Amino acid sequence: MSDARQAIAVAEEAGAETHARDHLSAARILLERAKAQLATGTSNGYWQARNSAVGAKEVAFEALLKSRAATTSIIETPAPASP
């Protein structure tokens, strides 16, 4: 779950709240689900939590990539020519 938390934090820092809100929200939901599953204290809950945390990390990484692509295209977009 630590990896998922870190991935979400990096995505947030990259502007995912603006550029990849749906992905960021999904990652947060998966992380919360992982916490609840782990709290059951069962072996099955552990494996479910692990899968949810891995999913959260993957979705957060997608949010990061989407955010970086959006900010890169903003930075690299040339200004319109003056008339």
PDB file of N, CA and C in Angstrom:
ATOM      1  N   MET A   1       0.815  -1.191   0.000  1.00  0.00           N
ATOM      2  CA  MET A   1       0.000   0.000   0.000  1.00  0.00           C
ATOM      3  C   MET A   1       0.860   1.257   0.000  1.00  0.00           C
ATOM      4  N   SER A   2       2.045   1.129   0.529  1.00  0.00           N
ATOM      5  CA  SER A   2       2.945   2.272   0.536  1.00  0.00           C
ATOM      6  C   SER A   2       3.260   2.734  -0.883  1.00  0.00           C
ATOM      7  N   ASP A   3       3.508   1.789  -1.780  1.00  0.00           N
ATOM      8  CA  ASP A   3       3.777   2.141  -3.176  1.00  0.00           C
ATOM      9  C   ASP A   3       2.589   2.880  -3.790  1.00  0.00           C
ATOM     10  N   ALA A   4       1.391   2.420  -3.473  1.00  0.00           N
ATOM     11  CA  ALA A   4       0.184   3.058  -4.010  1.00  0.00           C
ATOM     12  C   ALA A   4       0.050   4.480  -3.473  1.00  0.00           C
ATOM     13  N   ARG A   5       0.282   4.652  -2.174  1.00  0.00           N
ATOM     14  CA  ARG A   5       0.208   6.003  -1.576  1.00  0.00           C
ATOM     15  C   ARG A   5       1.227   6.930  -2.226  1.00  0.00           C
ATOM     16  N   GLN A   6       2.433   6.434  -2.429  1.00  0.00           N
ATOM     17  CA  GLN A   6       3.478   7.251  -3.047  1.00  0.00           C
ATOM     18  C   GLN A   6       3.134   7.593  -4.492  1.00  0.00           C
ATOM     19  N   ALA A   7       2.599   6.624  -5.226  1.00  0.00           N
ATOM     20  CA  ALA A   7       2.224   6.873  -6.619  1.00  0.00           C
ATOM     21  C   ALA A   7       1.114   7.922  -6.708  1.00  0.00           C
ATOM     22  N   ILE A   8       0.174   7.852  -5.798  1.00  0.00           N
ATOM     23  CA  ILE A   8      -0.914   8.838  -5.772  1.00  0.00           C
ATOM     24  C   ILE A   8      -0.347  10.223  -5.456  1.00  0.00           C
ATOM     25  N   ALA A   9       0.564  10.299  -4.496  1.00  0.00           N
ATOM     26  CA  ALA A   9       1.166  11.589  -4.130  1.00  0.00           C
ATOM     27  C   ALA A   9       1.928  12.199  -5.305  1.00  0.00           C
ATOM     28  N   VAL A  10       2.676  11.373  -6.032  1.00  0.00           N
ATOM     29  CA  VAL A  10       3.429  11.873  -7.186  1.00  0.00           C
ATOM     30  C   VAL A  10       2.469  12.347  -8.281  1.00  0.00           C
ATOM     31  N   ALA A  11       1.405  11.590  -8.502  1.00  0.00           N
ATOM     32  CA  ALA A  11       0.414  11.987  -9.505  1.00  0.00           C
ATOM     33  C   ALA A  11      -0.228  13.319  -9.122  1.00  0.00           C
ATOM     34  N   GLU A  12      -0.528  13.485  -7.834  1.00  0.00           N
ATOM     35  CA  GLU A  12      -1.103  14.749  -7.369  1.00  0.00           C
ATOM     36  C   GLU A  12      -0.136  15.905  -7.623  1.00  0.00           C
ATOM     37  N   GLU A  13       1.136  15.689  -7.320  1.00  0.00           N
ATOM     38  CA  GLU A  13       2.139  16.728  -7.533  1.00  0.00           C
ATOM     39  C   GLU A  13       2.290  17.081  -9.007  1.00  0.00           C
ATOM     40  N   ALA A  14       2.021  16.117  -9.880  1.00  0.00           N
ATOM     41  CA  ALA A  14       2.146  16.348 -11.323  1.00  0.00           C
ATOM     42  C   ALA A  14       0.910  17.003 -11.919  1.00  0.00           C
ATOM     43  N   GLY A  15      -0.095  17.256 -11.097  1.00  0.00           N
ATOM     44  CA  GLY A  15      -1.290  17.936 -11.586  1.00  0.00           C
ATOM     45  C   GLY A  15      -2.418  17.021 -11.996  1.00  0.00           C
ATOM     46  N   ALA A  16      -2.437  15.806 -11.466  1.00  0.00           N
ATOM     47  CA  ALA A  16      -3.480  14.845 -11.849  1.00  0.00           C
ATOM     48  C   ALA A  16      -4.879  15.310 -11.447  1.00  0.00           C
ATOM     49  N   GLU A  17      -4.962  16.130 -10.419  1.00  0.00           N
ATOM     50  CA  GLU A  17      -6.274  16.635 -10.003  1.00  0.00           C
ATOM     51  C   GLU A  17      -6.909  17.445 -11.135  1.00  0.00           C
ATOM     52  N   THR A  18      -6.075  18.078 -11.935  1.00  0.00           N
ATOM     53  CA  THR A  18      -6.545  18.876 -13.064  1.00  0.00           C
ATOM     54  C   THR A  18      -6.609  18.071 -14.356  1.00  0.00           C
ATOM     55  N   HIS A  19      -5.550  17.297 -14.619  1.00  0.00           N
ATOM     56  CA  HIS A  19      -5.404  16.659 -15.923  1.00  0.00           C
ATOM     57  C   HIS A  19      -5.844  15.197 -15.989  1.00  0.00           C
ATOM     58  N   ALA A  20      -6.030  14.565 -14.835  1.00  0.00           N
ATOM     59  CA  ALA A  20      -6.406  13.137 -14.823  1.00  0.00           C
ATOM     60  C   ALA A  20      -7.270  12.839 -13.606  1.00  0.00           C
ATOM     61  N   ARG A  21      -8.254  13.675 -13.409  1.00  0.00           N
ATOM     62  CA  ARG A  21      -9.103  13.588 -12.218  1.00  0.00           C
ATOM     63  C   ARG A  21      -9.746  12.213 -12.056  1.00  0.00           C
ATOM     64  N   ASP A  22     -10.256  11.637 -13.138  1.00  0.00           N
ATOM     65  CA  ASP A  22     -10.920  10.331 -13.051  1.00  0.00           C
ATOM     66  C   ASP A  22      -9.951   9.233 -12.626  1.00  0.00           C
ATOM     67  N   HIS A  23      -8.751   9.252 -13.197  1.00  0.00           N
ATOM     68  CA  HIS A  23      -7.745   8.252 -12.834  1.00  0.00           C
ATOM     69  C   HIS A  23      -7.335   8.417 -11.363  1.00  0.00           C
ATOM     70  N   LEU A  24      -7.119   9.642 -10.960  1.00  0.00           N
ATOM     71  CA  LEU A  24      -6.707   9.908  -9.585  1.00  0.00           C
ATOM     72  C   LEU A  24      -7.793   9.467  -8.603  1.00  0.00           C
ATOM     73  N   SER A  25      -9.022   9.760  -8.928  1.00  0.00           N
ATOM     74  CA  SER A  25     -10.140   9.348  -8.078  1.00  0.00           C
ATOM     75  C   SER A  25     -10.229   7.829  -7.976  1.00  0.00           C
ATOM     76  N   ALA A  26     -10.055   7.154  -9.110  1.00  0.00           N
ATOM     77  CA  ALA A  26     -10.099   5.684  -9.110  1.00  0.00           C
ATOM     78  C   ALA A  26      -8.968   5.111  -8.265  1.00  0.00           C
ATOM     79  N   ALA A  27      -7.791   5.703  -8.345  1.00  0.00           N
ATOM     80  CA  ALA A  27      -6.650   5.233  -7.546  1.00  0.00           C
ATOM     81  C   ALA A  27      -6.933   5.403  -6.057  1.00  0.00           C
ATOM     82  N   ARG A  28      -7.512   6.520  -5.695  1.00  0.00           N
ATOM     83  CA  ARG A  28      -7.845   6.766  -4.284  1.00  0.00           C
ATOM     84  C   ARG A  28      -8.883   5.766  -3.784  1.00  0.00           C
ATOM     85  N   ILE A  29      -9.879   5.490  -4.606  1.00  0.00           N
ATOM     86  CA  ILE A  29     -10.913   4.519  -4.229  1.00  0.00           C
ATOM     87  C   ILE A  29     -10.305   3.132  -4.040  1.00  0.00           C
ATOM     88  N   LEU A  30      -9.437   2.732  -4.961  1.00  0.00           N
ATOM     89  CA  LEU A  30      -8.781   1.425  -4.834  1.00  0.00           C
ATOM     90  C   LEU A  30      -7.931   1.356  -3.575  1.00  0.00           C
ATOM     91  N   LEU A  31      -7.253   2.432  -3.233  1.00  0.00           N
ATOM     92  CA  LEU A  31      -6.439   2.444  -2.022  1.00  0.00           C
ATOM     93  C   LEU A  31      -7.318   2.317  -0.779  1.00  0.00           C
ATOM     94  N   GLU A  32      -8.420   3.031  -0.749  1.00  0.00           N
ATOM     95  CA  GLU A  32      -9.342   2.923   0.386  1.00  0.00           C
ATOM     96  C   GLU A  32      -9.920   1.506   0.483  1.00  0.00           C
ATOM     97  N   ARG A  33     -10.219   0.910  -0.651  1.00  0.00           N
ATOM     98  CA  ARG A  33     -10.713  -0.460  -0.676  1.00  0.00           C
ATOM     99  C   ARG A  33      -9.656  -1.408  -0.109  1.00  0.00           C
ATOM    100  N   ALA A  34      -8.401  -1.180  -0.488  1.00  0.00           N
ATOM    101  CA  ALA A  34      -7.310  -2.010   0.020  1.00  0.00           C
ATOM    102  C   ALA A  34      -7.216  -1.914   1.541  1.00  0.00           C
ATOM    103  N   LYS A  35      -7.353  -0.714   2.074  1.00  0.00           N
ATOM    104  CA  LYS A  35      -7.299  -0.530   3.528  1.00  0.00           C
ATOM    105  C   LYS A  35      -8.416  -1.302   4.217  1.00  0.00           C
ATOM    106  N   ALA A  36      -9.607  -1.223   3.660  1.00  0.00           N
ATOM    107  CA  ALA A  36     -10.754  -1.924   4.250  1.00  0.00           C
ATOM    108  C   ALA A  36     -10.570  -3.442   4.161  1.00  0.00           C
ATOM    109  N   GLN A  37     -10.060  -3.906   3.043  1.00  0.00           N
ATOM    110  CA  GLN A  37      -9.851  -5.336   2.886  1.00  0.00           C
ATOM    111  C   GLN A  37      -8.785  -5.845   3.854  1.00  0.00           C
ATOM    112  N   LEU A  38      -7.733  -5.088   4.037  1.00  0.00           N
ATOM    113  CA  LEU A  38      -6.678  -5.487   4.953  1.00  0.00           C
ATOM    114  C   LEU A  38      -7.190  -5.511   6.395  1.00  0.00           C
ATOM    115  N   ALA A  39      -8.087  -4.600   6.697  1.00  0.00           N
ATOM    116  CA  ALA A  39      -8.634  -4.495   8.052  1.00  0.00           C
ATOM    117  C   ALA A  39      -9.458  -5.718   8.455  1.00  0.00           C
ATOM    118  N   THR A  40      -9.864  -6.526   7.482  1.00  0.00           N
ATOM    119  CA  THR A  40     -10.636  -7.726   7.834  1.00  0.00           C
ATOM    120  C   THR A  40      -9.777  -8.719   8.608  1.00  0.00           C
ATOM    121  N   GLY A  41      -8.461  -8.648   8.414  1.00  0.00           N
ATOM    122  CA  GLY A  41      -7.569  -9.519   9.150  1.00  0.00           C
ATOM    123  C   GLY A  41      -7.526 -10.954   8.661  1.00  0.00           C
ATOM    124  N   THR A  42      -8.117 -11.210   7.515  1.00  0.00           N
ATOM    125  CA  THR A  42      -8.128 -12.575   6.985  1.00  0.00           C
ATOM    126  C   THR A  42      -7.081 -12.721   5.889  1.00  0.00           C
ATOM    127  N   SER A  43      -6.744 -13.962   5.612  1.00  0.00           N
ATOM    128  CA  SER A  43      -5.799 -14.233   4.533  1.00  0.00           C
ATOM    129  C   SER A  43      -6.377 -13.773   3.200  1.00  0.00           C
ATOM    130  N   ASN A  44      -7.644 -14.061   2.991  1.00  0.00           N
ATOM    131  CA  ASN A  44      -8.307 -13.635   1.760  1.00  0.00           C
ATOM    132  C   ASN A  44      -8.322 -12.107   1.665  1.00  0.00           C
ATOM    133  N   GLY A  45      -8.576 -11.457   2.780  1.00  0.00           N
ATOM    134  CA  GLY A  45      -8.579  -9.998   2.811  1.00  0.00           C
ATOM    135  C   GLY A  45      -7.216  -9.424   2.456  1.00  0.00           C
ATOM    136  N   TYR A  46      -6.162 -10.104   2.918  1.00  0.00           N
ATOM    137  CA  TYR A  46      -4.810  -9.667   2.593  1.00  0.00           C
ATOM    138  C   TYR A  46      -4.581  -9.688   1.085  1.00  0.00           C
ATOM    139  N   TRP A  47      -4.941 -10.798   0.453  1.00  0.00           N
ATOM    140  CA  TRP A  47      -4.707 -10.924  -0.996  1.00  0.00           C
ATOM    141  C   TRP A  47      -5.577  -9.965  -1.792  1.00  0.00           C
ATOM    142  N   GLN A  48      -6.797  -9.751  -1.330  1.00  0.00           N
ATOM    143  CA  GLN A  48      -7.655  -8.768  -1.993  1.00  0.00           C
ATOM    144  C   GLN A  48      -7.062  -7.369  -1.841  1.00  0.00           C
ATOM    145  N   ALA A  49      -6.567  -7.073  -0.643  1.00  0.00           N
ATOM    146  CA  ALA A  49      -5.960  -5.764  -0.385  1.00  0.00           C
ATOM    147  C   ALA A  49      -4.724  -5.567  -1.258  1.00  0.00           C
ATOM    148  N   ARG A  50      -3.942  -6.611  -1.379  1.00  0.00           N
ATOM    149  CA  ARG A  50      -2.751  -6.530  -2.215  1.00  0.00           C
ATOM    150  C   ARG A  50      -3.124  -6.208  -3.657  1.00  0.00           C
ATOM    151  N   ASN A  51      -4.118  -6.917  -4.177  1.00  0.00           N
ATOM    152  CA  ASN A  51      -4.558  -6.686  -5.555  1.00  0.00           C
ATOM    153  C   ASN A  51      -5.113  -5.275  -5.734  1.00  0.00           C
ATOM    154  N   SER A  52      -5.880  -4.806  -4.769  1.00  0.00           N
ATOM    155  CA  SER A  52      -6.426  -3.448  -4.854  1.00  0.00           C
ATOM    156  C   SER A  52      -5.315  -2.409  -4.796  1.00  0.00           C
ATOM    157  N   ALA A  53      -4.329  -2.633  -3.934  1.00  0.00           N
ATOM    158  CA  ALA A  53      -3.211  -1.689  -3.818  1.00  0.00           C
ATOM    159  C   ALA A  53      -2.385  -1.655  -5.101  1.00  0.00           C
ATOM    160  N   VAL A  54      -2.157  -2.813  -5.700  1.00  0.00           N
ATOM    161  CA  VAL A  54      -1.427  -2.853  -6.976  1.00  0.00           C
ATOM    162  C   VAL A  54      -2.227  -2.111  -8.043  1.00  0.00           C
ATOM    163  N   GLY A  55      -3.529  -2.321  -8.049  1.00  0.00           N
ATOM    164  CA  GLY A  55      -4.392  -1.597  -8.999  1.00  0.00           C
ATOM    165  C   GLY A  55      -4.336  -0.098  -8.777  1.00  0.00           C
ATOM    166  N   ALA A  56      -4.337   0.323  -7.515  1.00  0.00           N
ATOM    167  CA  ALA A  56      -4.259   1.751  -7.200  1.00  0.00           C
ATOM    168  C   ALA A  56      -2.954   2.341  -7.710  1.00  0.00           C
ATOM    169  N   LYS A  57      -1.871   1.615  -7.517  1.00  0.00           N
ATOM    170  CA  LYS A  57      -0.570   2.079  -7.989  1.00  0.00           C
ATOM    171  C   LYS A  57      -0.559   2.214  -9.508  1.00  0.00           C
ATOM    172  N   GLU A  58      -1.108   1.221 -10.202  1.00  0.00           N
ATOM    173  CA  GLU A  58      -1.130   1.251 -11.671  1.00  0.00           C
ATOM    174  C   GLU A  58      -1.969   2.410 -12.198  1.00  0.00           C
ATOM    175  N   VAL A  59      -3.129   2.618 -11.599  1.00  0.00           N
ATOM    176  CA  VAL A  59      -4.011   3.700 -12.043  1.00  0.00           C
ATOM    177  C   VAL A  59      -3.394   5.060 -11.718  1.00  0.00           C
ATOM    178  N   ALA A  60      -2.738   5.163 -10.568  1.00  0.00           N
ATOM    179  CA  ALA A  60      -2.058   6.415 -10.220  1.00  0.00           C
ATOM    180  C   ALA A  60      -0.936   6.705 -11.207  1.00  0.00           C
ATOM    181  N   PHE A  61      -0.237   5.661 -11.640  1.00  0.00           N
ATOM    182  CA  PHE A  61       0.822   5.843 -12.624  1.00  0.00           C
ATOM    183  C   PHE A  61       0.237   6.330 -13.950  1.00  0.00           C
ATOM    184  N   GLU A  62      -0.917   5.792 -14.339  1.00  0.00           N
ATOM    185  CA  GLU A  62      -1.591   6.270 -15.548  1.00  0.00           C
ATOM    186  C   GLU A  62      -1.972   7.742 -15.399  1.00  0.00           C
ATOM    187  N   ALA A  63      -2.425   8.106 -14.213  1.00  0.00           N
ATOM    188  CA  ALA A  63      -2.763   9.513 -13.954  1.00  0.00           C
ATOM    189  C   ALA A  63      -1.521  10.394 -14.087  1.00  0.00           C
ATOM    190  N   LEU A  64      -0.409   9.904 -13.572  1.00  0.00           N
ATOM    191  CA  LEU A  64       0.850  10.645 -13.688  1.00  0.00           C
ATOM    192  C   LEU A  64       1.234  10.840 -15.148  1.00  0.00           C
ATOM    193  N   LEU A  65       1.186   9.768 -15.926  1.00  0.00           N
ATOM    194  CA  LEU A  65       1.540   9.869 -17.339  1.00  0.00           C
ATOM    195  C   LEU A  65       0.625  10.830 -18.087  1.00  0.00           C
ATOM    196  N   LYS A  66      -0.664  10.743 -17.798  1.00  0.00           N
ATOM    197  CA  LYS A  66      -1.628  11.628 -18.450  1.00  0.00           C
ATOM    198  C   LYS A  66      -1.362  13.087 -18.058  1.00  0.00           C
ATOM    199  N   SER A  67      -1.045  13.323 -16.809  1.00  0.00           N
ATOM    200  CA  SER A  67      -0.754  14.679 -16.339  1.00  0.00           C
ATOM    201  C   SER A  67       0.509  15.227 -16.980  1.00  0.00           C
ATOM    202  N   ARG A  68       1.539  14.399 -17.024  1.00  0.00           N
ATOM    203  CA  ARG A  68       2.787  14.848 -17.643  1.00  0.00           C
ATOM    204  C   ARG A  68       2.601  15.132 -19.123  1.00  0.00           C
ATOM    205  N   ALA A  69       1.826  14.296 -19.797  1.00  0.00           N
ATOM    206  CA  ALA A  69       1.568  14.526 -21.215  1.00  0.00           C
ATOM    207  C   ALA A  69       0.820  15.837 -21.408  1.00  0.00           C
ATOM    208  N   ALA A  70      -0.144  16.101 -20.547  1.00  0.00           N
ATOM    209  CA  ALA A  70      -0.929  17.334 -20.665  1.00  0.00           C
ATOM    210  C   ALA A  70      -0.067  18.553 -20.397  1.00  0.00           C
ATOM    211  N   THR A  71       0.764  18.497 -19.366  1.00  0.00           N
ATOM    212  CA  THR A  71       1.581  19.667 -19.053  1.00  0.00           C
ATOM    213  C   THR A  71       2.707  19.840 -20.062  1.00  0.00           C
ATOM    214  N   THR A  72       3.213  18.743 -20.599  1.00  0.00           N
ATOM    215  CA  THR A  72       4.253  18.838 -21.621  1.00  0.00           C
ATOM    216  C   THR A  72       3.702  19.468 -22.885  1.00  0.00           C
ATOM    217  N   SER A  73       2.501  19.076 -23.274  1.00  0.00           N
ATOM    218  CA  SER A  73       1.923  19.646 -24.493  1.00  0.00           C
ATOM    219  C   SER A  73       1.592  21.119 -24.292  1.00  0.00           C
ATOM    220  N   ILE A  74       1.259  21.490 -23.081  1.00  0.00           N
ATOM    221  CA  ILE A  74       0.992  22.904 -22.793  1.00  0.00           C
ATOM    222  C   ILE A  74       2.285  23.691 -22.905  1.00  0.00           C
ATOM    223  N   ILE A  75       3.349  23.146 -22.348  1.00  0.00           N
ATOM    224  CA  ILE A  75       4.644  23.827 -22.359  1.00  0.00           C
ATOM    225  C   ILE A  75       5.207  23.906 -23.785  1.00  0.00           C
ATOM    226  N   GLU A  76       5.045  22.832 -24.546  1.00  0.00           N
ATOM    227  CA  GLU A  76       5.654  22.765 -25.869  1.00  0.00           C
ATOM    228  C   GLU A  76       4.804  23.384 -26.974  1.00  0.00           C
ATOM    229  N   THR A  77       3.590  23.756 -26.672  1.00  0.00           N
ATOM    230  CA  THR A  77       2.733  24.359 -27.674  1.00  0.00           C
ATOM    231  C   THR A  77       3.230  25.767 -27.971  1.00  0.00           C
ATOM    232  N   PRO A  78       3.606  26.036 -29.219  1.00  0.00           N
ATOM    233  CA  PRO A  78       4.114  27.361 -29.535  1.00  0.00           C
ATOM    234  C   PRO A  78       3.001  28.413 -29.467  1.00  0.00           C
ATOM    235  N   ALA A  79       3.414  29.582 -29.146  1.00  0.00           N
ATOM    236  CA  ALA A  79       2.467  30.690 -29.104  1.00  0.00           C
ATOM    237  C   ALA A  79       2.029  31.045 -30.522  1.00  0.00           C
ATOM    238  N   PRO A  80       0.803  31.484 -30.694  1.00  0.00           N
ATOM    239  CA  PRO A  80       0.352  31.874 -32.027  1.00  0.00           C
ATOM    240  C   PRO A  80       1.184  33.036 -32.569  1.00  0.00           C
ATOM    241  N   ALA A  81       1.366  33.049 -33.841  1.00  0.00           N
ATOM    242  CA  ALA A  81       2.136  34.118 -34.496  1.00  0.00           C
ATOM    243  C   ALA A  81       1.355  35.419 -34.445  1.00  0.00           C
ATOM    244  N   SER A  82       2.078  36.494 -34.271  1.00  0.00           N
ATOM    245  CA  SER A  82       1.430  37.815 -34.266  1.00  0.00           C
ATOM    246  C   SER A  82       1.128  38.234 -35.689  1.00  0.00           C
ATOM    247  N   PRO A  83       0.003  38.935 -35.886  1.00  0.00           N
ATOM    248  CA  PRO A  83      -0.328  39.375 -37.263  1.00  0.00           C
ATOM    249  C   PRO A  83       0.531  40.478 -37.768  1.00  0.00           C
TER     250      PRO A  83
END
